[in-house]
Protein backbone atom coordinates (compact mmCIF):
# COMPACT_ATOMS: atom_id res chain seq x y z
CA MET A 1 39.52 217.34 69.20
CA GLU A 2 41.41 217.57 72.40
CA ASP A 3 38.38 216.49 74.30
CA LEU A 4 37.94 213.57 71.89
CA LEU A 5 41.51 212.48 72.37
CA LEU A 6 40.91 212.50 76.11
CA ARG A 7 37.86 210.38 75.78
CA LEU A 8 39.50 208.04 73.45
CA SER A 9 42.42 207.62 75.66
CA SER A 10 40.24 206.12 78.33
CA LEU A 11 38.71 203.47 76.09
CA PRO A 12 40.05 200.04 75.33
CA PRO A 13 42.03 199.71 72.10
CA TRP A 14 39.32 197.99 70.13
CA GLN A 15 36.85 200.90 70.96
CA ILE A 16 39.48 203.41 70.06
CA ALA A 17 39.89 201.64 66.65
CA LEU A 18 36.02 201.43 66.05
CA THR A 19 35.57 205.10 66.91
CA SER A 20 38.37 206.13 64.57
CA THR A 21 36.99 204.01 61.76
CA TRP A 22 33.55 205.59 62.26
CA LEU A 23 35.07 209.23 62.17
CA LEU A 24 36.67 208.34 58.78
CA LEU A 25 33.57 206.58 57.40
CA GLN A 26 31.29 209.44 58.08
CA ALA A 27 33.60 211.89 56.30
CA CYS A 28 32.12 210.82 52.98
CA VAL A 29 28.74 212.27 54.20
CA ILE A 30 29.47 214.81 56.87
CA PRO A 31 33.17 215.61 57.01
CA SER A 32 33.56 216.62 60.64
CA LEU A 33 37.28 216.25 61.01
CA PRO A 34 40.05 216.22 58.47
CA GLU A 35 41.58 212.83 57.74
CA GLU A 36 45.10 213.94 58.72
CA VAL A 37 43.88 215.07 62.13
CA VAL A 38 42.13 211.71 62.82
CA VAL A 39 45.08 209.59 61.61
CA ALA A 40 47.75 211.69 63.38
CA GLY A 41 45.64 211.71 66.50
CA LEU A 42 45.42 207.96 66.42
CA GLY A 43 49.16 207.89 65.94
CA LEU A 44 49.47 210.04 69.00
CA LEU A 45 47.49 207.58 71.04
CA ALA A 46 49.68 204.81 69.62
CA GLY A 47 52.73 206.53 70.68
CA GLN A 48 51.48 206.73 74.17
CA GLY A 49 50.65 203.05 74.33
CA ARG A 50 46.87 203.32 74.15
CA ILE A 51 46.54 201.35 70.93
CA SER A 52 48.92 199.13 68.85
CA PHE A 53 50.24 200.34 65.52
CA PRO A 54 48.82 197.45 63.54
CA LEU A 55 45.43 197.95 64.99
CA ALA A 56 45.61 201.65 64.36
CA PHE A 57 46.67 201.13 60.74
CA ALA A 58 43.82 198.57 60.16
CA ALA A 59 41.29 200.93 61.74
CA VAL A 60 42.38 203.78 59.43
CA LEU A 61 42.19 201.68 56.27
CA CYS A 62 38.78 200.24 57.22
CA GLY A 63 37.35 203.82 57.43
CA LEU A 64 39.38 205.49 54.79
CA LEU A 65 39.09 203.21 51.80
CA PRO A 66 35.26 202.64 51.82
CA ALA A 67 34.67 206.42 52.32
CA ASN A 68 36.86 207.32 49.43
CA ALA A 69 35.20 204.58 47.21
CA ALA A 70 31.82 205.93 48.23
CA ALA A 71 32.86 209.50 47.06
CA VAL A 72 33.78 208.01 43.60
CA ALA A 73 30.49 206.08 43.37
CA ILE A 74 28.51 209.20 44.39
CA GLY A 75 30.41 211.22 41.74
CA GLY A 76 29.66 208.72 39.08
CA LYS A 77 25.84 208.55 39.84
CA VAL A 78 25.32 212.21 40.40
CA GLY A 79 27.41 213.16 37.48
CA ARG A 80 25.46 210.99 35.08
CA ARG A 81 22.10 212.16 36.34
CA LEU A 82 22.90 215.90 36.30
CA ALA A 83 25.30 216.08 33.36
CA GLY A 84 22.57 217.30 31.10
CA ARG A 85 20.64 219.52 33.57
CA GLY A 86 20.79 223.23 34.26
CA PRO A 87 23.69 224.74 36.17
CA PHE A 88 25.55 221.49 36.57
CA ALA A 89 25.58 220.90 32.77
CA ARG A 90 26.83 224.47 32.21
CA ALA A 91 29.55 223.91 34.92
CA LEU A 92 30.62 220.69 33.28
CA ALA A 93 30.77 222.35 29.83
CA SER A 94 33.06 225.12 31.03
CA PRO A 95 36.66 224.99 29.69
CA ALA A 96 38.15 224.66 33.21
CA ALA A 97 35.90 221.68 34.06
CA GLN A 98 36.66 220.06 30.87
CA ARG A 99 40.36 220.40 31.37
CA ALA A 100 40.12 218.89 34.85
CA LEU A 101 38.00 215.99 33.66
CA ALA A 102 40.36 215.34 30.73
CA ARG A 103 43.35 215.46 33.10
CA ILE A 104 41.80 212.85 35.30
CA GLN A 105 40.99 210.66 32.22
CA ARG A 106 44.48 210.95 30.81
CA HIS A 107 46.56 210.87 34.04
CA GLY A 108 44.01 209.51 36.44
CA ARG A 109 46.41 206.99 38.26
CA VAL A 110 48.95 209.75 38.89
CA VAL A 111 46.27 212.29 39.99
CA ILE A 112 44.53 209.87 42.32
CA PHE A 113 47.78 208.65 43.93
CA ALA A 114 49.06 212.20 44.41
CA THR A 115 45.74 213.44 45.76
CA ARG A 116 46.18 211.08 48.79
CA PHE A 117 48.99 213.37 49.91
CA THR A 118 47.24 216.66 49.23
CA PRO A 119 44.74 217.82 51.90
CA LEU A 120 41.70 219.92 51.19
CA VAL A 121 41.14 218.71 47.62
CA ARG A 122 40.56 214.98 47.97
CA GLY A 123 36.63 215.12 48.07
CA PRO A 124 36.30 217.19 44.82
CA VAL A 125 38.99 215.10 42.98
CA TYR A 126 37.27 211.82 44.04
CA LEU A 127 33.84 213.14 42.95
CA ALA A 128 35.36 214.37 39.66
CA ALA A 129 36.93 210.93 39.06
CA GLY A 130 33.52 209.30 39.46
CA ALA A 131 31.95 211.84 37.06
CA ALA A 132 34.78 211.14 34.64
CA GLY A 133 33.85 207.56 34.42
CA TRP A 134 36.27 205.91 37.01
CA ARG A 135 34.89 202.70 38.55
CA VAL A 136 35.35 201.85 42.21
CA ARG A 137 37.12 198.64 41.41
CA ARG A 138 39.60 200.54 39.41
CA PHE A 139 40.01 203.41 41.88
CA THR A 140 40.33 201.43 45.11
CA PRO A 141 43.71 199.62 44.36
CA ILE A 142 45.42 202.96 43.61
CA ASP A 143 43.92 204.64 46.65
CA ALA A 144 44.91 201.73 48.76
CA ALA A 145 48.56 201.81 47.51
CA ALA A 146 48.80 205.49 48.21
CA ALA A 147 47.24 205.00 51.73
CA CYS A 148 49.89 202.31 52.53
CA VAL A 149 52.43 205.04 52.15
CA GLN A 150 50.71 207.99 53.66
CA VAL A 151 48.94 206.52 56.65
CA PRO A 152 52.10 204.96 58.23
CA LEU A 153 53.81 208.35 57.87
CA LEU A 154 50.92 210.16 59.69
CA LEU A 155 50.82 207.53 62.44
CA TRP A 156 54.61 207.85 62.88
CA LEU A 157 54.31 211.65 63.00
CA GLY A 158 51.59 211.52 65.58
CA ALA A 159 53.44 208.90 67.57
CA ARG A 160 56.69 211.03 67.52
CA VAL A 161 54.73 213.95 68.84
CA GLY A 162 53.03 211.91 71.61
CA ARG A 163 56.25 210.34 72.84
CA ASP A 164 57.99 213.63 73.19
CA ALA A 165 55.06 215.38 75.01
CA GLY A 166 54.42 215.06 78.65
CA SER A 167 50.61 214.94 78.36
CA LEU A 168 47.87 214.47 75.82
CA ALA A 169 47.00 218.22 75.93
CA ALA A 170 50.63 219.24 75.28
CA ALA A 171 50.86 216.64 72.49
CA TRP A 172 47.75 217.92 70.85
CA GLN A 173 49.02 221.42 70.92
CA ARG A 174 52.20 220.31 69.26
CA LEU A 175 50.27 218.24 66.76
CA GLY A 176 48.12 221.29 65.88
CA LEU A 177 51.14 223.34 65.14
CA VAL A 178 52.45 220.67 62.84
CA ALA A 179 49.10 220.30 61.13
CA ALA A 180 48.96 224.09 60.65
CA ALA A 181 52.44 224.10 59.11
CA LEU A 182 51.55 221.25 56.75
CA ALA A 183 48.23 222.93 55.68
CA ALA A 184 50.02 226.27 55.09
CA GLY A 185 52.75 224.44 53.00
CA THR A 186 50.07 222.65 51.00
CA LEU A 187 48.15 225.85 50.26
CA GLY A 188 51.45 227.55 49.34
CA LEU A 189 52.23 224.77 46.76
CA GLN A 190 48.72 224.90 45.39
CA GLY A 191 49.06 228.67 44.81
CA LEU A 192 52.36 228.22 43.17
CA ARG A 193 51.01 225.57 40.85
CA CYS A 194 48.05 227.77 39.87
CA ALA A 195 50.37 230.67 39.21
CA LEU A 196 52.66 228.57 37.04
CA ARG A 197 49.60 227.27 35.10
CA ARG A 198 48.33 230.75 34.39
CA ARG A 199 51.80 231.87 33.27
CA ARG A 200 52.45 229.00 30.99
CA PRO A 201 49.83 229.97 28.36
CA VAL A 202 51.03 233.57 28.38
CA THR A 203 54.58 232.40 27.79
CA GLN A 204 53.48 230.17 24.92
CA MET A 205 51.51 233.03 23.28
CA SER A 206 54.46 235.41 23.54
CA ARG A 207 56.74 232.92 21.80
CA ARG A 208 54.22 232.46 19.08
CA ARG A 209 53.79 236.12 18.55
CA ALA A 210 57.59 236.80 18.51
CA PRO A 211 58.63 238.00 15.07
CA ALA A 212 60.96 235.86 13.14
CA VAL A 213 64.49 237.16 12.85
CA THR A 214 66.01 236.90 9.38
CA THR A 215 69.58 237.31 8.46
CA GLY A 216 70.85 238.56 5.15
CA ALA A 217 73.14 236.53 3.01
């Protein structure tokens, strides 16, 4: 990524924008770089004056939204074709998969909006949303609203790192530390959520099994 940043920094702003859009578009087929790295790296270049913030924001949305919509469309088509076949059918019939699909169907807007701020799980969630029957025209406005909050924050973060660093190499090292900290925090939150979910049924069962206490008159 450091070499990519150095190459991008030597390009005109419109070529930086097109390259960033292409990197985000191809993520729906071959995810070569995490979205956060691309967007924050673009913010880093914006912070050093290589590209304007409005152009960087537009470049991100032009790559991000179509790629996410494609993942939902693929999930819908593949899910319908394979729902009754072999291992895929057994996987969909499992209690865990049914709970996940039911959660998306009941709380789909909240799940999709929150997923925009959760790295590492976006692809599976968007595919599951398509398999659960979500249409692209219903998904895209929610995804766009979430992106209008998340993308400026990532651009600002990258720009802040870029302004304080003396060179692109130093800026990239700082950005890598920030990205690692965010990823570790996200994994920690995911682990905590899984632990709480596993503990909740046990607590409910213990309450149900607790003997009733009667008092004499």
